[in-house]
Amino acid sequence: MRDESADVRGMNTTPLIAAVLLAATGSASAQVELIDLLPGYTLGGMHGLSADGSTLAVDMFINDSVAYDAYAWRGGAWGSLPRFDRFNNWQGISGDGRTTLSVSSDWGQNGHLVRVENGVRDRVTFANGGRRIHGALTRDGQTVFYSLQPESFASDQFVELYRYRADSFPGVLVATLSDRFVGGGGLVAGDRDDLFAIEAQIEQSALGVGGMTRAVIYDAGNLIELPTLTNADVVHFGVSAMTADGSVVVGTESSRGIDDSDAVYKSWIYRDGTLGELTVAGFSQLSILSITDDARAMVGSAMSDTGEYGSFLFYDAARAYSAEQLLAGSGVTLGAGEHASIGGISADGSTVYGAILRGTSSQFGPDWTLFTVAVPAPGAASAFALAGLLAARRRR
């Protein structure tokens, strides 16, 4: 249905040293943009940045109506995505930021999956009853992948995977997950219209712990469930990002024993059919959020050997920058009580985005300022040698 719509190696460096390191990569300084949320809103979540770095996708929480709205920051202004119900959440954005995908729902149910291109709405599907939708958009904005979760955990209910091409209603069923899976989580996609990855929820473990997840890749009609890195009682194996050509998929595993209170985090990489652990020298508890298409840089949270936990931009095994260091390199100094975190990096490697928690609050919730930093690309000598980051233990 189509209708018109309105509207690496741990470096405990000082900010000064970080600025020098950034300058050494090919630019005297990086450009920063500080972005205020709309009045009356607080931050719901940051979905991501378009591949070219032009558009920031953000969910904002509306305190007065207890709802979420999806907004795009582009060209110095906020623009809202059309919604049909109380919650509107980002699902995907095209490489140039001009085509969007979101789900409007009532507390996650009765969801409308909506694609918008050049201001025109394209309703992809509607999930009635207790079915839930998760989706992803290809870089050209013309193909939508989505999952429909069953209404119940009955043995005859399955997670269905669909492909929808622009203006070709309805979507086509391309695969069905086995009865081992009871829900479909986040999806990621690249350029290809026959490749995506999904974080799927499995039923209870033998110990009765529910909600665990596994990474499943759909590749031209074939379903590939990736094995976990760890054999623990409870393992969540999540998908974070995919390169444009789909040759690299990354994600994070969290695991713990049934009696353990703290989880152990590891990052994984699936490259050209081979799975391995992704590590950075000087860091542990690595949780990867995004990676560039050329695999030269990535963003994730981690614990450094010096005891600093936070989010970092990793250029290679010898270069790691915190949010504070990136901002300081652009002349932005955080005040007392303020904390910054990096949310991710654009696929072309040009822009990092994140958020500053101001340490104050209003009747609408905590005060946030978002930011984007234009980051100079590292030289060829600084390229990520992903093969070198893979642990010796590899699986197919």
Protein backbone atom coordinates (compact mmCIF):
# COMPACT_ATOMS: atom_id res chain seq x y z
CA MET A 1 0.00 0.00 0.00
CA ARG A 2 1.35 3.38 -0.96
CA ASP A 3 0.11 6.83 0.12
CA GLU A 4 1.38 10.38 0.47
CA SER A 5 2.98 11.45 3.76
CA ALA A 6 3.55 14.86 5.19
CA ASP A 7 6.02 15.79 6.74
CA VAL A 8 43.70 -2.43 19.37
CA ARG A 9 45.97 -1.66 21.60
CA GLY A 10 44.87 0.01 24.82
CA MET A 11 46.16 3.56 24.96
CA ASN A 12 45.58 5.49 28.18
CA THR A 13 46.26 8.76 26.36
CA THR A 14 45.41 12.29 27.37
CA PRO A 15 43.03 14.34 25.17
CA LEU A 16 45.99 16.35 23.87
CA ILE A 17 47.79 13.21 22.75
CA ALA A 18 44.57 11.92 21.18
CA ALA A 19 44.28 15.13 19.18
CA VAL A 20 47.83 14.73 17.93
CA LEU A 21 47.15 11.12 16.92
CA LEU A 22 44.02 12.12 15.03
CA ALA A 23 45.93 14.85 13.25
CA ALA A 24 48.58 12.35 12.29
CA THR A 25 46.03 10.32 10.34
CA GLY A 26 45.71 13.03 7.75
CA SER A 27 43.76 16.04 9.06
CA ALA A 28 44.60 18.90 11.41
CA SER A 29 41.36 18.39 13.33
CA ALA A 30 38.06 16.58 13.10
CA GLN A 31 34.76 18.44 12.70
CA VAL A 32 32.18 17.94 15.42
CA GLU A 33 28.43 18.62 15.49
CA LEU A 34 26.60 18.84 18.82
CA ILE A 35 22.90 17.99 18.50
CA ASP A 36 20.17 18.80 21.02
CA LEU A 37 17.07 16.62 21.31
CA LEU A 38 13.69 18.15 20.65
CA PRO A 39 12.06 19.96 23.61
CA GLY A 40 10.01 17.59 25.74
CA TYR A 41 11.91 14.48 24.65
CA THR A 42 14.63 12.32 26.10
CA LEU A 43 16.81 9.76 24.38
CA GLY A 44 15.16 6.42 23.64
CA GLY A 45 18.01 4.93 21.62
CA MET A 46 20.38 5.52 18.71
CA HIS A 47 19.69 3.18 15.80
CA GLY A 48 22.65 4.19 13.70
CA LEU A 49 24.10 6.36 10.98
CA SER A 50 23.62 6.10 7.23
CA ALA A 51 26.57 4.56 5.40
CA ASP A 52 27.63 7.95 4.02
CA GLY A 53 27.44 9.63 7.45
CA SER A 54 24.76 12.13 6.39
CA THR A 55 21.80 10.99 8.51
CA LEU A 56 21.55 10.00 12.18
CA ALA A 57 18.67 7.69 13.16
CA VAL A 58 17.37 8.22 16.72
CA ASP A 59 14.38 7.06 18.77
CA MET A 60 13.16 9.69 21.23
CA PHE A 61 11.02 9.00 24.29
CA ILE A 62 7.99 11.21 24.89
CA ASN A 63 7.51 11.36 28.63
CA ASP A 64 4.02 12.92 28.63
CA SER A 65 2.41 10.25 26.44
CA VAL A 66 4.74 7.34 27.34
CA ALA A 67 5.62 6.74 23.70
CA TYR A 68 8.56 6.59 21.30
CA ASP A 69 9.04 8.56 18.09
CA ALA A 70 11.59 7.89 15.35
CA TYR A 71 13.51 10.93 14.11
CA ALA A 72 16.22 11.54 11.51
CA TRP A 73 18.87 14.25 11.95
CA ARG A 74 19.86 15.44 8.50
CA GLY A 75 21.14 18.77 7.20
CA GLY A 76 21.03 20.39 10.63
CA ALA A 77 17.39 19.61 11.42
CA TRP A 78 15.19 16.88 12.88
CA GLY A 79 12.61 15.17 10.70
CA SER A 80 10.02 12.71 12.03
CA LEU A 81 9.08 9.37 10.54
CA PRO A 82 5.32 8.77 10.14
CA ARG A 83 3.79 6.65 12.88
CA PHE A 84 0.48 4.86 13.28
CA ASP A 85 0.54 4.01 16.97
CA ARG A 86 2.11 4.80 20.32
CA PHE A 87 5.57 3.45 19.55
CA ASN A 88 7.59 4.15 16.42
CA ASN A 89 11.03 2.56 16.28
CA TRP A 90 13.78 2.64 13.68
CA GLN A 91 14.52 -0.57 11.79
CA GLY A 92 16.73 0.50 8.88
CA ILE A 93 18.17 3.35 6.84
CA SER A 94 19.53 3.44 3.30
CA GLY A 95 23.15 4.22 2.52
CA ASP A 96 22.36 7.82 1.53
CA GLY A 97 19.94 8.34 4.41
CA ARG A 98 16.99 9.18 2.15
CA THR A 99 14.99 5.97 2.61
CA THR A 100 13.89 4.81 6.05
CA LEU A 101 12.29 1.78 7.68
CA SER A 102 10.39 1.80 10.98
CA VAL A 103 7.82 -0.16 12.98
CA SER A 104 4.82 1.58 14.51
CA SER A 105 3.15 -0.53 17.19
CA ASP A 106 1.13 -0.60 20.38
CA TRP A 107 3.58 -1.84 23.00
CA GLY A 108 5.26 -4.00 20.33
CA GLN A 109 2.03 -5.54 19.03
CA ASN A 110 -0.14 -4.82 15.97
CA GLY A 111 2.90 -3.40 14.24
CA HIS A 112 3.03 -1.57 10.91
CA LEU A 113 6.33 -1.96 9.05
CA VAL A 114 6.69 1.19 6.95
CA ARG A 115 9.25 2.16 4.35
CA VAL A 116 9.51 5.85 3.39
CA GLU A 117 11.29 7.07 0.26
CA ASN A 118 11.33 10.74 -0.73
CA GLY A 119 8.47 11.50 1.66
CA VAL A 120 6.20 8.77 0.30
CA ARG A 121 5.05 5.97 2.60
CA ASP A 122 5.17 2.36 1.48
CA ARG A 123 3.45 0.02 3.94
CA VAL A 124 5.41 -3.22 3.85
CA THR A 125 3.29 -5.36 6.17
CA PHE A 126 1.08 -5.41 9.24
CA ALA A 127 1.31 -7.89 12.11
CA ASN A 128 -1.93 -8.46 13.94
CA GLY A 129 -2.48 -10.09 17.30
CA GLY A 130 0.65 -10.96 19.25
CA ARG A 131 2.97 -11.22 16.24
CA ARG A 132 6.03 -8.95 16.29
CA ILE A 133 8.03 -7.53 13.38
CA HIS A 134 11.72 -6.82 13.01
CA GLY A 135 13.22 -5.54 9.77
CA ALA A 136 16.30 -4.41 7.87
CA LEU A 137 16.85 -2.31 4.75
CA THR A 138 19.41 -2.79 2.00
CA ARG A 139 21.82 0.06 1.27
CA ASP A 140 19.93 1.15 -1.86
CA GLY A 141 16.70 1.29 0.14
CA GLN A 142 14.83 -0.90 -2.33
CA THR A 143 14.68 -4.23 -0.46
CA VAL A 144 13.27 -4.92 3.00
CA PHE A 145 13.93 -8.10 4.95
CA TYR A 146 11.68 -8.79 7.92
CA SER A 147 10.76 -11.47 10.41
CA LEU A 148 7.33 -12.29 11.77
CA GLN A 149 7.32 -13.82 15.23
CA PRO A 150 4.59 -16.38 16.02
CA GLU A 151 1.72 -15.42 18.30
CA SER A 152 2.49 -18.30 20.65
CA PHE A 153 5.14 -20.93 21.37
CA ALA A 154 2.93 -23.71 20.04
CA SER A 155 4.69 -26.45 18.11
CA ASP A 156 2.97 -25.48 14.87
CA GLN A 157 4.08 -21.83 15.09
CA PHE A 158 7.30 -20.76 13.36
CA VAL A 159 9.39 -17.62 12.82
CA GLU A 160 8.93 -16.61 9.19
CA LEU A 161 11.44 -14.61 7.16
CA TYR A 162 10.28 -12.41 4.29
CA ARG A 163 11.71 -10.27 1.50
CA TYR A 164 9.86 -7.23 0.20
CA ARG A 165 10.90 -5.23 -2.84
CA ALA A 166 9.82 -1.62 -3.20
CA ASP A 167 6.27 -1.21 -4.52
CA SER A 168 5.84 -4.99 -4.88
CA PHE A 169 3.29 -5.76 -2.18
CA PRO A 170 3.08 -8.26 -0.57
CA GLY A 171 6.39 -9.57 0.77
CA VAL A 172 7.56 -13.04 -0.24
CA LEU A 173 8.28 -15.77 2.30
CA VAL A 174 11.93 -16.80 1.75
CA ALA A 175 12.59 -19.06 4.75
CA THR A 176 11.15 -20.44 7.97
CA LEU A 177 13.26 -21.00 11.05
CA SER A 178 13.09 -24.37 12.76
CA ASP A 179 10.81 -24.95 15.74
CA ARG A 180 13.88 -24.45 17.94
CA PHE A 181 13.38 -20.71 17.49
CA VAL A 182 10.51 -18.80 19.06
CA GLY A 183 11.30 -15.21 18.06
CA GLY A 184 13.21 -13.03 15.64
CA GLY A 185 15.29 -10.13 16.91
CA GLY A 186 17.38 -7.52 15.15
CA LEU A 187 18.23 -7.93 11.45
CA VAL A 188 21.19 -6.48 9.53
CA ALA A 189 21.69 -6.20 5.77
CA GLY A 190 24.15 -4.81 3.24
CA ASP A 191 23.94 -4.28 -0.52
CA ARG A 192 22.66 -7.69 -1.58
CA ASP A 193 18.96 -8.44 -1.94
CA ASP A 194 19.47 -12.11 -1.05
CA LEU A 195 21.59 -11.83 2.10
CA PHE A 196 20.86 -10.76 5.68
CA ALA A 197 21.54 -11.86 9.24
CA ILE A 198 19.12 -12.18 12.15
CA GLU A 199 19.48 -12.55 15.90
CA ALA A 200 16.89 -15.23 16.63
CA GLN A 201 15.59 -16.21 20.05
CA ILE A 202 15.67 -19.86 20.99
CA GLU A 203 13.43 -21.63 23.46
CA GLN A 204 14.48 -22.54 26.94
CA SER A 205 17.77 -24.25 27.64
CA ALA A 206 17.97 -27.57 29.41
CA LEU A 207 18.29 -25.64 32.67
CA GLY A 208 15.08 -23.74 32.06
CA VAL A 209 16.64 -20.38 31.23
CA GLY A 210 14.74 -18.75 28.40
CA GLY A 211 15.44 -15.93 25.98
CA MET A 212 18.85 -17.02 24.67
CA THR A 213 19.70 -15.95 21.12
CA ARG A 214 21.64 -17.26 18.15
CA ALA A 215 22.91 -15.67 14.92
CA VAL A 216 21.39 -17.01 11.71
CA ILE A 217 22.46 -15.92 8.23
CA TYR A 218 20.16 -16.14 5.22
CA ASP A 219 22.30 -16.43 2.08
CA ALA A 220 20.57 -16.94 -1.26
CA GLY A 221 18.05 -19.44 0.07
CA ASN A 222 20.33 -21.12 2.62
CA LEU A 223 20.04 -20.71 6.40
CA ILE A 224 23.33 -20.84 8.34
CA GLU A 225 23.16 -20.95 12.13
CA LEU A 226 26.51 -19.89 13.57
CA PRO A 227 27.95 -21.92 16.46
CA THR A 228 28.74 -20.12 19.69
CA LEU A 229 32.27 -19.41 20.87
CA THR A 230 31.56 -20.62 24.39
CA ASN A 231 29.88 -23.70 25.80
CA ALA A 232 28.13 -22.15 28.80
CA ASP A 233 24.74 -22.62 30.45
CA VAL A 234 23.38 -19.35 29.10
CA VAL A 235 24.67 -17.87 25.84
CA HIS A 236 23.35 -14.88 23.90
CA PHE A 237 24.89 -14.71 20.43
CA GLY A 238 23.90 -11.39 18.90
CA VAL A 239 24.39 -9.80 15.48
CA SER A 240 25.72 -6.21 15.26
CA ALA A 241 26.70 -5.29 11.71
CA MET A 242 27.43 -6.47 8.16
CA THR A 243 29.68 -4.99 5.49
CA ALA A 244 28.12 -3.85 2.22
CA ASP A 245 29.13 -6.95 0.26
CA GLY A 246 28.19 -9.27 3.14
CA SER A 247 31.63 -10.86 3.31
CA VAL A 248 32.02 -9.79 6.97
CA VAL A 249 29.44 -10.09 9.75
CA VAL A 250 30.26 -9.17 13.35
CA GLY A 251 28.48 -9.52 16.66
CA THR A 252 28.81 -10.10 20.39
CA GLU A 253 28.45 -13.16 22.57
CA SER A 254 27.57 -12.87 26.26
CA SER A 255 27.76 -16.02 28.36
CA ARG A 256 27.52 -17.09 31.98
CA GLY A 257 27.02 -20.14 34.10
CA ILE A 258 23.65 -20.75 35.70
CA ASP A 259 24.98 -19.57 39.08
CA ASP A 260 27.13 -16.70 37.77
CA SER A 261 25.98 -13.13 38.32
CA ASP A 262 28.28 -11.52 35.75
CA ALA A 263 28.37 -12.28 32.05
CA VAL A 264 31.53 -12.71 29.97
CA TYR A 265 31.53 -10.73 26.71
CA LYS A 266 33.34 -11.72 23.53
CA SER A 267 33.06 -10.44 19.99
CA TRP A 268 32.92 -12.66 16.95
CA ILE A 269 33.57 -12.24 13.25
CA TYR A 270 32.24 -14.35 10.40
CA ARG A 271 34.35 -13.73 7.31
CA ASP A 272 34.08 -15.62 4.03
CA GLY A 273 32.48 -18.60 5.72
CA THR A 274 34.82 -18.79 8.73
CA LEU A 275 33.85 -17.91 12.31
CA GLY A 276 36.34 -16.77 14.92
CA GLU A 277 36.73 -14.59 17.96
CA LEU A 278 37.51 -10.93 17.32
CA THR A 279 40.04 -9.51 19.76
CA VAL A 280 41.94 -6.25 20.23
CA ALA A 281 45.24 -6.22 22.10
CA GLY A 282 45.00 -4.45 25.45
CA PHE A 283 41.23 -4.93 25.83
CA SER A 284 38.84 -7.53 27.23
CA GLN A 285 35.04 -7.84 27.50
CA LEU A 286 34.84 -6.61 23.90
CA SER A 287 31.35 -5.92 22.55
CA ILE A 288 31.39 -4.77 18.91
CA LEU A 289 28.70 -2.33 17.77
CA SER A 290 29.69 -1.47 14.19
CA ILE A 291 32.42 -1.88 11.60
CA THR A 292 33.34 -0.04 8.41
CA ASP A 293 32.83 -1.58 4.99
CA ASP A 294 36.56 -1.76 4.35
CA ALA A 295 37.05 -3.32 7.82
CA ARG A 296 39.63 -0.67 8.75
CA ALA A 297 37.83 0.59 11.85
CA MET A 298 35.22 -0.53 14.34
CA VAL A 299 33.39 0.76 17.40
CA GLY A 300 32.62 -1.19 20.53
CA SER A 301 32.60 -1.19 24.30
CA ALA A 302 35.41 -2.87 26.20
CA MET A 303 37.56 -2.96 29.33
CA SER A 304 41.11 -1.75 28.86
CA ASP A 305 44.08 -3.31 30.62
CA THR A 306 44.34 -0.09 32.63
CA GLY A 307 40.86 -0.68 34.09
CA GLU A 308 38.97 1.83 31.96
CA TYR A 309 35.58 0.58 30.75
CA GLY A 310 33.78 2.44 28.01
CA SER A 311 33.19 2.72 24.29
CA PHE A 312 36.08 3.12 21.87
CA LEU A 313 36.92 3.71 18.25
CA PHE A 314 39.52 1.13 17.25
CA TYR A 315 41.71 1.85 14.23
CA ASP A 316 44.06 -1.08 14.59
CA ALA A 317 45.87 -3.03 17.28
CA ALA A 318 47.78 0.15 18.24
CA ARG A 319 45.13 2.87 18.12
CA ALA A 320 42.07 3.24 20.35
CA TYR A 321 40.14 6.44 21.05
CA SER A 322 37.49 7.06 23.68
CA ALA A 323 34.57 9.40 23.14
CA GLU A 324 36.21 12.00 25.36
CA GLN A 325 39.40 11.87 23.30
CA LEU A 326 37.54 12.21 19.99
CA LEU A 327 35.58 15.19 21.31
CA ALA A 328 38.69 16.80 22.81
CA GLY A 329 40.41 16.43 19.44
CA SER A 330 37.65 18.65 18.05
CA GLY A 331 37.84 21.21 20.84
CA VAL A 332 34.94 19.91 22.97
CA THR A 333 35.74 19.41 26.65
CA LEU A 334 33.28 17.65 28.94
CA GLY A 335 32.25 19.32 32.17
CA ALA A 336 32.02 17.84 35.66
CA GLY A 337 29.46 15.05 35.83
CA GLU A 338 29.23 14.65 32.05
CA HIS A 339 29.92 11.34 30.32
CA ALA A 340 30.23 10.59 26.60
CA SER A 341 29.86 7.32 24.74
CA ILE A 342 30.37 6.32 21.11
CA GLY A 343 27.40 4.67 19.43
CA GLY A 344 29.00 3.60 16.17
CA ILE A 345 30.74 4.57 12.95
CA SER A 346 29.38 5.11 9.46
CA ALA A 347 30.10 2.30 7.01
CA ASP A 348 32.28 4.58 4.88
CA GLY A 349 34.42 5.33 7.94
CA SER A 350 33.91 9.09 7.71
CA THR A 351 31.82 9.78 10.80
CA VAL A 352 31.50 8.60 14.39
CA TYR A 353 28.34 9.29 16.38
CA GLY A 354 27.52 9.14 20.06
CA ALA A 355 25.83 10.76 23.04
CA ILE A 356 26.78 12.94 26.00
CA LEU A 357 24.91 12.35 29.25
CA ARG A 358 24.89 15.80 30.82
CA GLY A 359 24.50 14.67 34.41
CA THR A 360 21.34 16.75 34.82
CA SER A 361 17.66 16.00 34.24
CA SER A 362 14.28 17.64 33.77
CA GLN A 363 10.68 16.48 34.10
CA PHE A 364 11.21 14.78 30.73
CA GLY A 365 14.12 12.64 31.91
CA PRO A 366 17.94 12.76 31.73
CA ASP A 367 19.48 15.52 29.62
CA TRP A 368 21.38 14.32 26.54
CA THR A 369 23.34 15.93 23.73
CA LEU A 370 24.15 13.83 20.69
CA PHE A 371 27.24 14.32 18.58
CA THR A 372 28.82 13.39 15.29
CA VAL A 373 32.55 13.69 14.64
CA ALA A 374 34.04 13.65 11.16
CA VAL A 375 36.99 11.31 11.52
CA PRO A 376 39.86 11.27 9.02
CA ALA A 377 40.41 7.86 7.49
CA PRO A 378 43.55 6.04 8.60
CA GLY A 379 46.34 5.56 6.11
CA ALA A 380 46.79 2.32 4.29
CA ALA A 381 49.38 1.26 6.83
CA SER A 382 46.75 1.50 9.57
CA ALA A 383 44.28 -0.89 7.91
CA PHE A 384 42.63 -3.46 10.10
CA ALA A 385 44.26 -6.79 9.51
CA LEU A 386 41.16 -8.72 10.47
CA ALA A 387 42.81 -12.01 9.76
CA GLY A 388 45.36 -11.10 12.40
CA LEU A 389 42.63 -10.29 14.89
CA LEU A 390 41.11 -13.72 14.61
CA ALA A 391 41.95 -16.10 17.37
CA ALA A 392 43.72 -19.29 16.52
CA ARG A 393 40.56 -21.24 17.22
CA ARG A 394 38.32 -20.99 14.17
CA ARG A 395 35.13 -22.74 13.19
CA ARG A 396 33.28 -23.34 9.99
